[in-house]
Protein backbone atom coordinates (compact mmCIF):
# COMPACT_ATOMS: atom_id res chain seq x y z
CA MET A 1 111.29 173.70 222.47
CA THR A 2 108.01 174.64 224.13
CA THR A 3 107.39 173.80 227.76
CA GLU A 4 103.94 172.63 228.78
CA PHE A 5 102.99 174.08 232.15
CA ALA A 6 100.63 172.41 234.61
CA SER A 7 99.39 175.90 235.45
CA THR A 8 100.03 179.56 234.69
CA ILE A 9 99.40 182.50 236.97
CA ASP A 10 99.50 186.09 235.78
CA VAL A 11 99.85 187.97 239.05
CA ARG A 12 99.32 191.30 237.35
CA GLU A 13 95.63 190.40 237.59
CA VAL A 14 95.71 189.33 241.27
CA GLU A 15 95.27 191.56 244.30
CA PRO A 16 98.78 192.07 245.80
CA ARG A 17 98.00 190.52 249.20
CA GLN A 18 96.65 187.38 247.46
CA ARG A 19 99.58 186.83 245.09
CA HIS A 20 101.93 184.71 247.19
CA PRO A 21 99.19 182.54 248.73
CA GLN A 22 97.82 181.78 245.24
CA ILE A 23 101.29 181.06 243.84
CA PHE A 24 102.10 178.65 246.67
CA SER A 25 98.70 177.00 246.32
CA LEU A 26 99.47 176.27 242.66
CA PHE A 27 102.96 175.06 243.59
CA ASN A 28 101.49 172.71 246.22
CA ALA A 29 99.20 171.21 243.58
CA LEU A 30 102.12 170.34 241.28
CA GLU A 31 103.35 166.77 241.01
CA VAL A 32 107.11 166.21 241.11
CA GLY A 33 108.43 166.97 237.63
CA GLN A 34 105.65 169.41 236.76
CA SER A 35 106.13 173.14 236.44
CA MET A 36 104.10 176.30 236.55
CA GLN A 37 104.58 179.63 234.82
CA LEU A 38 104.54 182.90 236.74
CA ILE A 39 103.91 186.14 234.84
CA ASN A 40 104.62 189.48 236.50
CA ASP A 41 105.30 193.14 235.68
CA HIS A 42 108.47 193.26 237.82
CA ASP A 43 111.24 190.91 238.91
CA PRO A 44 109.69 188.51 241.45
CA ARG A 45 113.02 188.07 243.27
CA PRO A 46 111.44 188.40 246.77
CA LEU A 47 109.23 185.43 245.89
CA TYR A 48 112.33 183.42 244.96
CA PHE A 49 113.77 184.04 248.43
CA GLN A 50 110.47 183.00 249.99
CA PHE A 51 110.59 179.76 247.99
CA GLN A 52 114.14 179.20 249.26
CA SER A 53 112.90 179.65 252.81
CA LEU A 54 109.75 177.52 252.55
CA ALA A 55 110.59 174.91 249.91
CA ASN A 56 114.38 174.74 249.83
CA GLY A 57 115.58 171.84 247.69
CA GLN A 58 112.10 171.17 246.34
CA PHE A 59 111.90 173.59 243.42
CA ASN A 60 113.76 174.95 240.44
CA TRP A 61 113.45 178.59 239.34
CA GLN A 62 114.20 179.59 235.76
CA TYR A 63 113.67 182.99 234.19
CA LEU A 64 112.06 182.66 230.76
CA GLN A 65 111.80 186.42 230.22
CA SER A 66 113.47 189.16 232.29
CA GLY A 67 111.84 192.53 231.70
CA PRO A 68 111.89 195.31 231.20
CA ASP A 69 108.07 195.28 231.24
CA LEU A 70 107.32 191.59 231.63
CA TRP A 71 108.89 188.78 233.64
CA ARG A 72 108.07 185.12 233.08
CA VAL A 73 109.42 182.46 235.43
CA GLU A 74 109.16 178.69 235.28
CA ILE A 75 108.87 177.19 238.76
CA SER A 76 109.28 173.41 238.81
CA LYS A 77 108.65 170.99 241.65
CA THR A 78 111.77 168.84 241.94
CA ALA A 79 110.98 166.85 245.10
CA PRO A 80 107.97 165.87 247.16
CA ALA A 81 107.15 168.64 249.59
CA ALA A 82 105.02 169.18 252.60
CA VAL A 83 102.27 171.68 251.93
CA VAL A 84 103.86 175.11 251.82
CA SER A 85 101.84 177.80 253.56
CA THR A 86 102.60 181.49 253.33
CA GLY A 87 100.06 182.76 255.81
CA SER A 88 100.76 186.48 255.77
CA CYS A 89 103.85 187.09 253.71
CA CYS A 90 105.82 190.22 252.90
CA GLY A 91 103.63 192.47 255.04
CA ASN A 92 100.40 191.22 253.47
CA GLY A 93 101.78 191.25 249.96
CA ALA A 94 103.66 194.53 250.20
CA CYS A 95 106.39 193.07 248.01
CA GLY A 96 103.83 192.73 245.23
CA GLY A 97 104.63 189.14 244.32
């Protein structure tokens, strides 16, 4: 079964300090029931914890591929959410998304 994503972001191509703001911008644009795909070169676990903090109960996180060189994650919007803003996260993107 193939999932159709409302959007896909490959953060390997995004400046580190811009990664989380762009990811959350795409998440904010999702309708309930839609999902986005995140592609990264490392486990984006810190981002998961940020989602828990900022959008708890409003998303689902599912690994589609877990390394060793590529991670793909499906992030789904499961409930209406207020606009999630990251401002300056993880020391200006020090976590790398």
